[in-house]
Protein backbone atom coordinates (compact mmCIF):
# COMPACT_ATOMS: atom_id res chain seq x y z
CA UNK A 1 -0.14 -0.15 0.02
CA UNK A 2 1.21 3.26 -0.78
CA UNK A 3 1.69 5.90 1.69
CA UNK A 4 0.87 8.56 -0.86
CA UNK A 5 -2.48 8.89 -2.85
CA UNK A 6 -1.89 12.10 -5.07
CA UNK A 7 -5.21 13.81 -3.88
CA UNK A 8 -4.03 16.44 -2.34
CA UNK A 9 -1.54 17.85 -4.94
CA UNK A 10 -4.65 20.35 -6.07
CA UNK A 11 -4.09 22.27 -2.30
CA UNK A 12 -6.92 20.91 -1.40
CA UNK A 13 -7.88 17.90 1.04
CA UNK A 14 -11.12 16.26 2.48
CA UNK A 15 -12.30 15.89 6.05
CA UNK A 16 -14.15 13.26 7.96
CA UNK A 17 -17.23 14.65 6.87
CA UNK A 18 -15.77 14.32 3.54
CA UNK A 19 -15.73 18.09 2.63
CA UNK A 20 -12.83 19.37 0.00
CA UNK A 21 -11.11 22.27 1.67
CA UNK A 22 -8.20 24.32 1.37
CA UNK A 23 -5.17 23.17 3.00
CA UNK A 24 -4.40 26.64 4.04
CA UNK A 25 -7.71 26.75 6.07
CA UNK A 26 -7.55 27.46 9.65
CA UNK A 27 -9.45 24.37 10.02
CA UNK A 28 -5.91 22.79 9.14
CA UNK A 29 -3.69 25.24 11.04
CA UNK A 30 -5.48 23.91 14.33
CA UNK A 31 -4.92 20.35 13.31
CA UNK A 32 -1.78 20.70 12.35
CA UNK A 33 -0.66 22.38 15.72
CA UNK A 34 -2.48 19.98 17.49
CA UNK A 35 -0.41 17.07 15.70
CA UNK A 36 2.82 19.12 16.55
CA UNK A 37 1.76 19.10 20.35
CA UNK A 38 1.32 14.93 20.47
CA UNK A 39 4.37 14.70 18.38
CA UNK A 40 6.36 17.03 21.47
CA UNK A 41 4.29 15.06 23.96
CA UNK A 42 6.28 12.12 22.13
CA UNK A 43 9.66 13.76 22.38
CA UNK A 44 8.98 13.88 26.08
CA UNK A 45 8.28 10.00 26.92
CA UNK A 46 11.98 9.20 27.34
CA UNK A 47 12.32 11.40 30.08
CA UNK A 48 8.98 11.75 31.64
CA UNK A 49 8.72 10.32 35.23
CA UNK A 50 7.11 6.80 35.25
CA UNK A 51 3.95 7.96 37.16
CA UNK A 52 3.37 10.42 34.52
CA UNK A 53 4.02 8.21 31.34
CA UNK A 54 0.63 6.78 31.35
CA UNK A 55 -1.01 10.31 31.51
CA UNK A 56 1.13 11.64 28.70
CA UNK A 57 -0.16 8.33 26.54
CA UNK A 58 -3.66 8.99 27.42
CA UNK A 59 -3.14 12.68 26.34
CA UNK A 60 -2.04 12.01 23.27
CA UNK A 61 -4.70 9.37 22.11
CA UNK A 62 -7.34 12.06 23.44
CA UNK A 63 -5.71 14.58 20.98
CA UNK A 64 -6.48 12.11 18.30
CA UNK A 65 -10.03 11.94 19.26
CA UNK A 66 -10.00 15.73 19.66
CA UNK A 67 -8.77 16.26 16.14
CA UNK A 68 -11.33 14.06 14.56
CA UNK A 69 -14.13 15.63 16.21
CA UNK A 70 -12.78 19.12 14.95
CA UNK A 71 -12.48 17.59 11.12
CA UNK A 72 -16.16 16.26 11.39
CA UNK A 73 -16.11 13.03 13.33
CA UNK A 74 -17.81 12.07 16.22
CA UNK A 75 -18.31 14.23 19.31
CA UNK A 76 -15.29 13.95 21.90
CA UNK A 77 -15.01 17.11 24.12
CA UNK A 78 -18.02 16.85 26.50
CA UNK A 79 -18.29 18.94 30.11
CA UNK A 80 -17.31 15.64 32.05
CA UNK A 81 -14.15 15.28 30.31
CA UNK A 82 -13.11 18.74 31.05
CA UNK A 83 -14.10 18.24 34.48
CA UNK A 84 -11.90 14.95 34.55
CA UNK A 85 -8.99 16.90 33.39
CA UNK A 86 -9.78 19.49 35.66
CA UNK A 87 -9.25 16.65 38.45
CA UNK A 88 -5.86 15.72 37.00
CA UNK A 89 -4.89 19.01 37.19
CA UNK A 90 -5.58 19.53 41.10
CA UNK A 91 -4.23 16.07 41.69
CA UNK A 92 -0.38 17.09 39.85
CA UNK A 93 -0.76 20.45 41.50
CA UNK A 94 -1.24 19.13 44.94
CA UNK A 95 1.59 16.72 45.19
CA UNK A 96 4.42 19.44 43.85
CA UNK A 97 6.46 20.66 47.22
CA UNK A 98 5.77 23.40 49.09
CA UNK A 99 8.75 25.77 47.55
CA UNK A 100 6.51 25.68 43.82
CA UNK A 101 5.15 28.57 45.02
CA UNK A 102 1.90 29.41 43.70
CA UNK A 103 0.26 33.14 42.97
CA UNK A 104 -2.66 34.91 44.58
CA UNK A 105 -5.32 33.35 42.52
CA UNK A 106 -3.90 29.73 43.26
CA UNK A 107 -2.13 29.07 40.33
CA UNK A 108 0.97 27.93 39.65
CA UNK A 109 3.65 30.64 39.42
CA UNK A 110 5.98 31.02 36.04
CA UNK A 111 8.83 29.17 35.80
CA UNK A 112 11.54 29.30 33.45
CA UNK A 113 12.01 26.26 31.32
CA UNK A 114 15.13 23.68 31.43
CA UNK A 115 15.21 22.53 35.01
CA UNK A 116 14.60 18.93 33.84
CA UNK A 117 14.90 17.38 30.44
CA UNK A 118 11.53 16.00 31.30
CA UNK A 119 10.16 19.56 32.29
CA UNK A 120 11.95 21.49 29.27
CA UNK A 121 9.93 18.84 26.64
CA UNK A 122 6.88 19.40 28.78
CA UNK A 123 6.90 23.18 28.74
CA UNK A 124 7.42 23.04 24.69
CA UNK A 125 4.53 20.71 24.44
CA UNK A 126 2.64 23.12 26.62
CA UNK A 127 3.62 26.15 24.32
CA UNK A 128 2.37 24.41 21.28
CA UNK A 129 -1.05 23.48 22.81
CA UNK A 130 -1.33 27.39 23.98
CA UNK A 131 -1.07 27.97 20.23
CA UNK A 132 -3.60 25.24 19.45
CA UNK A 133 -6.08 27.13 21.96
CA UNK A 134 -5.06 30.30 19.91
CA UNK A 135 -5.95 28.90 16.67
CA UNK A 136 -8.97 27.29 17.69
CA UNK A 137 -10.75 30.79 19.13
CA UNK A 138 -9.83 32.14 15.39
CA UNK A 139 -11.49 29.00 13.71
CA UNK A 140 -14.57 29.14 16.05
CA UNK A 141 -14.99 33.13 14.71
CA UNK A 142 -15.51 31.46 11.37
CA UNK A 143 -17.13 28.38 11.36
CA UNK A 144 -17.72 27.81 15.50
CA UNK A 145 -16.26 25.16 17.96
CA UNK A 146 -17.96 24.25 20.93
CA UNK A 147 -17.42 25.57 24.11
CA UNK A 148 -16.34 22.05 25.66
CA UNK A 149 -13.33 22.09 22.80
CA UNK A 150 -12.23 25.54 23.96
CA UNK A 151 -11.98 24.56 27.47
CA UNK A 152 -10.56 21.30 26.95
CA UNK A 153 -7.66 22.47 24.94
CA UNK A 154 -7.51 25.66 28.25
CA UNK A 155 -7.46 22.64 30.85
CA UNK A 156 -5.09 19.98 28.61
CA UNK A 157 -2.18 23.37 28.54
CA UNK A 158 -2.86 23.12 32.40
CA UNK A 159 -2.20 19.71 33.07
CA UNK A 160 0.41 19.80 30.81
CA UNK A 161 2.11 22.89 32.91
CA UNK A 162 1.79 21.28 35.80
CA UNK A 163 3.35 17.94 34.65
CA UNK A 164 6.33 20.12 33.44
CA UNK A 165 6.40 21.60 37.20
CA UNK A 166 6.39 18.02 38.90
CA UNK A 167 9.02 16.64 36.46
CA UNK A 168 11.37 19.56 37.43
CA UNK A 169 10.30 18.79 41.05
CA UNK A 170 11.13 14.84 41.11
CA UNK A 171 14.39 15.67 39.07
CA UNK A 172 15.27 18.56 41.70
CA UNK A 173 14.80 15.80 44.43
CA UNK A 174 16.81 12.68 42.94
CA UNK A 175 19.34 15.53 42.40
CA UNK A 176 19.73 16.90 46.20
CA UNK A 177 19.15 13.21 47.47
CA UNK A 178 22.14 11.98 45.41
CA UNK A 179 24.70 15.06 45.57
CA UNK A 180 24.07 15.49 49.47
CA UNK A 181 22.21 12.62 51.75
CA UNK A 182 21.13 14.52 54.86
CA UNK A 183 21.22 12.29 57.98
CA UNK A 184 18.53 13.00 61.08
CA UNK A 185 21.67 14.27 63.54
CA UNK A 186 22.68 16.94 60.50
CA UNK A 187 18.81 18.27 60.09
CA UNK A 188 18.68 18.94 63.99
CA UNK A 189 21.87 20.47 63.82
CA UNK A 190 20.95 22.59 61.17
CA UNK A 191 17.30 23.57 62.34
CA UNK A 192 15.74 21.65 59.78
CA UNK A 193 12.69 19.49 60.05
CA UNK A 194 13.66 16.27 60.05
CA UNK A 195 11.79 13.74 57.90
CA UNK A 196 8.74 11.99 58.98
CA UNK A 197 9.75 8.35 59.87
CA UNK A 198 7.94 5.33 58.28
CA UNK A 199 7.53 2.82 60.73
CA UNK A 200 5.15 -0.19 60.67
CA UNK A 201 2.07 0.58 62.80
CA UNK A 202 2.91 -2.20 65.59
CA UNK A 203 6.28 0.19 66.80
CA UNK A 204 4.90 3.74 65.78
CA UNK A 205 4.29 4.95 69.30
CA UNK A 206 7.96 3.68 70.47
CA UNK A 207 9.65 5.16 67.37
CA UNK A 208 7.16 8.11 66.48
CA UNK A 209 10.01 10.59 67.36
CA UNK A 210 12.64 8.84 64.99
CA UNK A 211 14.03 10.05 61.93
CA UNK A 212 15.11 6.59 60.63
CA UNK A 213 13.02 3.54 58.86
CA UNK A 214 12.06 0.98 61.11
CA UNK A 215 11.34 -1.69 58.80
CA UNK A 216 9.92 -5.08 59.55
CA UNK A 217 12.58 -7.96 59.44
CA UNK A 218 12.69 -10.36 56.80
CA UNK A 219 10.63 -13.37 57.91
CA UNK A 220 9.04 -11.95 60.95
CA UNK A 221 7.35 -15.33 61.22
CA UNK A 222 3.75 -15.00 60.00
CA UNK A 223 2.22 -17.09 57.79
CA UNK A 224 -0.84 -14.56 57.30
CA UNK A 225 -0.59 -13.22 54.10
CA UNK A 226 -1.79 -9.99 55.16
CA UNK A 227 0.85 -9.65 57.67
CA UNK A 228 3.57 -10.60 54.85
CA UNK A 229 2.23 -8.34 52.37
CA UNK A 230 2.87 -5.75 54.93
CA UNK A 231 6.46 -6.99 55.87
CA UNK A 232 6.78 -6.78 52.11
CA UNK A 233 5.73 -3.46 51.62
CA UNK A 234 7.49 -1.80 54.35
CA UNK A 235 10.81 -3.36 53.39
CA UNK A 236 10.50 -2.24 50.02
CA UNK A 237 9.81 1.02 51.14
CA UNK A 238 13.23 1.10 52.94
CA UNK A 239 14.84 0.18 49.71
CA UNK A 240 13.76 3.32 48.07
CA UNK A 241 14.84 5.50 50.87
CA UNK A 242 18.01 4.01 50.37
CA UNK A 243 17.81 4.79 46.31
CA UNK A 244 16.99 8.44 47.08
CA UNK A 245 13.28 8.71 46.40
CA UNK A 246 10.14 8.17 48.08
CA UNK A 247 7.46 5.26 47.13
CA UNK A 248 4.09 3.38 47.14
CA UNK A 249 3.79 -0.22 47.38
CA UNK A 250 0.89 -2.55 47.28
CA UNK A 251 0.15 -6.13 47.64
CA UNK A 252 -3.44 -8.13 46.10
CA UNK A 253 -4.14 -11.57 46.37
CA UNK A 254 -4.55 -14.37 44.20
CA UNK A 255 -7.89 -12.97 42.98
CA UNK A 256 -6.55 -9.42 42.75
CA UNK A 257 -8.12 -8.02 45.76
CA UNK A 258 -6.10 -5.14 47.51
CA UNK A 259 -4.33 -6.69 50.48
CA UNK A 260 -1.92 -4.35 51.52
CA UNK A 261 -1.37 -0.47 50.28
CA UNK A 262 1.51 1.70 51.79
CA UNK A 263 2.20 5.53 51.14
CA UNK A 264 5.61 6.58 52.23
CA UNK A 265 5.46 10.55 53.24
CA UNK A 266 6.24 12.75 50.45
CA UNK A 267 5.39 9.90 47.45
CA UNK A 268 3.35 11.52 45.02
CA UNK A 269 -0.22 10.81 45.56
CA UNK A 270 -0.50 9.50 41.94
CA UNK A 271 1.65 6.40 43.14
CA UNK A 272 -0.69 4.60 45.72
CA UNK A 273 -3.35 4.01 42.49
CA UNK A 274 -0.07 3.21 40.17
CA UNK A 275 1.16 0.85 42.23
CA UNK A 276 -2.04 -0.96 43.13
CA UNK A 277 -2.71 -1.11 39.40
CA UNK A 278 0.61 -2.71 38.68
CA UNK A 279 -0.38 -5.31 41.50
CA UNK A 280 -3.40 -6.13 39.38
CA UNK A 281 -1.68 -6.46 36.36
CA UNK A 282 0.69 -8.22 37.50
CA UNK A 283 -1.37 -11.25 39.11
CA UNK A 284 -4.12 -10.86 36.32
CA UNK A 285 -1.87 -11.59 33.55
CA UNK A 286 0.78 -13.83 35.49
CA UNK A 287 3.57 -11.75 34.43
CA UNK A 288 5.41 -8.59 35.63
CA UNK A 289 4.46 -5.39 34.22
CA UNK A 290 7.75 -4.75 32.38
CA UNK A 291 7.17 -8.46 30.55
CA UNK A 292 4.11 -7.25 29.00
CA UNK A 293 5.13 -3.93 27.84
CA UNK A 294 6.49 -4.65 24.73
CA UNK A 295 3.17 -7.47 24.15
CA UNK A 296 1.40 -4.18 24.28
CA UNK A 297 2.89 -2.15 21.62
CA UNK A 298 1.27 -1.32 18.50
CA UNK A 299 1.26 -4.49 16.31
CA UNK A 300 1.98 -6.70 18.89
CA UNK A 301 -0.13 -9.68 20.09
CA UNK A 302 -1.81 -8.05 23.17
CA UNK A 303 -1.84 -4.32 21.94
CA UNK A 304 -4.71 -2.18 23.60
CA UNK A 305 -5.00 -4.14 26.64
CA UNK A 306 -4.04 -1.09 28.84
CA UNK A 307 -7.52 0.20 27.72
CA UNK A 308 -9.11 -2.79 28.92
CA UNK A 309 -10.31 -3.36 32.77
CA UNK A 310 -11.32 0.30 33.10
CA UNK A 311 -7.67 1.01 32.70
CA UNK A 312 -6.15 -0.62 36.05
CA UNK A 313 -4.18 -2.47 33.32
CA UNK A 314 -0.21 -1.06 33.59
CA UNK A 315 2.39 -1.65 30.95
CA UNK A 316 5.70 0.01 32.22
CA UNK A 317 7.94 -1.77 34.90
CA UNK A 318 6.90 -1.61 38.96
CA UNK A 319 4.69 -4.66 38.99
CA UNK A 320 5.81 -8.53 39.61
CA UNK A 321 3.55 -11.50 40.20
CA UNK A 322 4.33 -13.33 43.85
CA UNK A 323 4.81 -17.36 43.80
CA UNK A 324 4.89 -19.88 46.19
CA UNK A 325 4.77 -23.62 45.50
CA UNK A 326 4.59 -22.96 42.07
CA UNK A 327 1.42 -20.98 41.98
CA UNK A 328 0.92 -17.25 41.48
CA UNK A 329 -0.09 -16.32 45.29
CA UNK A 330 -0.64 -12.46 45.04
CA UNK A 331 0.86 -9.67 43.12
CA UNK A 332 3.13 -6.65 43.95
CA UNK A 333 3.49 -2.84 43.04
CA UNK A 334 5.63 0.12 43.64
CA UNK A 335 5.54 3.39 42.44
CA UNK A 336 7.30 6.45 42.86
CA UNK A 337 10.84 6.27 40.91
CA UNK A 338 11.50 5.85 37.08
CA UNK A 339 10.56 3.18 35.38
CA UNK A 340 14.42 1.65 35.65
CA UNK A 341 14.12 2.74 39.40
CA UNK A 342 10.18 0.87 40.18
CA UNK A 343 11.61 -2.31 37.97
CA UNK A 344 14.64 -2.72 40.18
CA UNK A 345 12.53 -2.33 43.27
CA UNK A 346 10.05 -5.21 41.69
CA UNK A 347 13.00 -7.46 41.66
CA UNK A 348 14.34 -6.72 45.24
CA UNK A 349 10.83 -7.33 46.21
CA UNK A 350 10.56 -10.60 44.64
CA UNK A 351 14.02 -11.39 46.65
CA UNK A 352 12.43 -10.49 50.18
CA UNK A 353 9.40 -12.27 49.31
CA UNK A 354 11.46 -15.06 48.73
CA UNK A 355 12.90 -14.83 52.04
CA UNK A 356 9.49 -14.19 53.62
CA UNK A 357 7.85 -17.04 52.30
CA UNK A 358 11.01 -19.59 52.90
CA UNK A 359 10.67 -18.91 56.92
CA UNK A 360 6.93 -18.42 57.15
CA UNK A 361 5.06 -20.53 54.42
CA UNK A 362 2.37 -18.95 52.40
CA UNK A 363 -1.00 -19.80 52.20
CA UNK A 364 -1.60 -21.47 48.57
CA UNK A 365 -4.72 -19.23 48.16
CA UNK A 366 -2.75 -16.36 48.29
CA UNK A 367 -4.78 -14.94 51.25
CA UNK A 368 -7.91 -15.36 49.67
CA UNK A 369 -9.26 -16.65 53.13
CA UNK A 370 -7.26 -14.40 55.50
């Protein structure tokens, strides 16, 4: 099949509703700018933090559907979708550290692009979609566009900007952690605020004043799957801190039902659901989310699976099935770092679970009766 049709050689092309329009028409300026926007998002993907990657992918897919509506296709932009974007903007914004100041109106303050590769790439994408918004206004004066389209474009630029700032913040946090780890004693000496400890519930009272992690030891002796899940999560989050970032961890049983979910202080709010979905994906697919990723790419055997199960299927690293006695007894998921860091923690989780289950046998039903 040839990529060229020669139908556009006259300077005209057709829209989805079969109207022949000049290529210089404002509608094609807008559609071309939206194409630039999705391409810029694609360029940002190699640097975007793992917890934002699925949002970027979803935006790209949604822009295609919006472009189809603008070209005469079915309606995409609705009041409900605009409201959903507003919730996403709020969720990302609330995750930002306090030193990312806000203006009096509540909006994020101005920023100079370039603090991180991901932030710079997303800022470029945001500038492009702002241009698309201006072109949409010009087009609406000629042929009319729904208010929902205008609102959707405005909110998607806000979301892209918020993701850029979060990418900058995550990069800044990692750089600070790697450059100069701060101990509890140096925090106290400098008058700074010591980090809030991550401690298991049973030792919270006696350890609440400590700034040191107090994880449960490997193989604490319980054969209860829930207790083992808590032990696993705490030990993995301890390792995440050692690597210089905060994360969330989750375990589900063999039926995909949640057993344990723990978010470390300072971990992204979005990481809670992502970790739980990674655990669900690994147990429902009986493979790690890293193994699933290539199978879900365009042209592969499981392409599109990430859009099933209510969007709970995750196709990037950080989720692994938990096995005991040759059977999958549960799933584990972790989120908070880069995809490589989350995958590394998931591998560590398997090592920890092997030690836990060796000392304390796991019920073969994966805790279905716990």
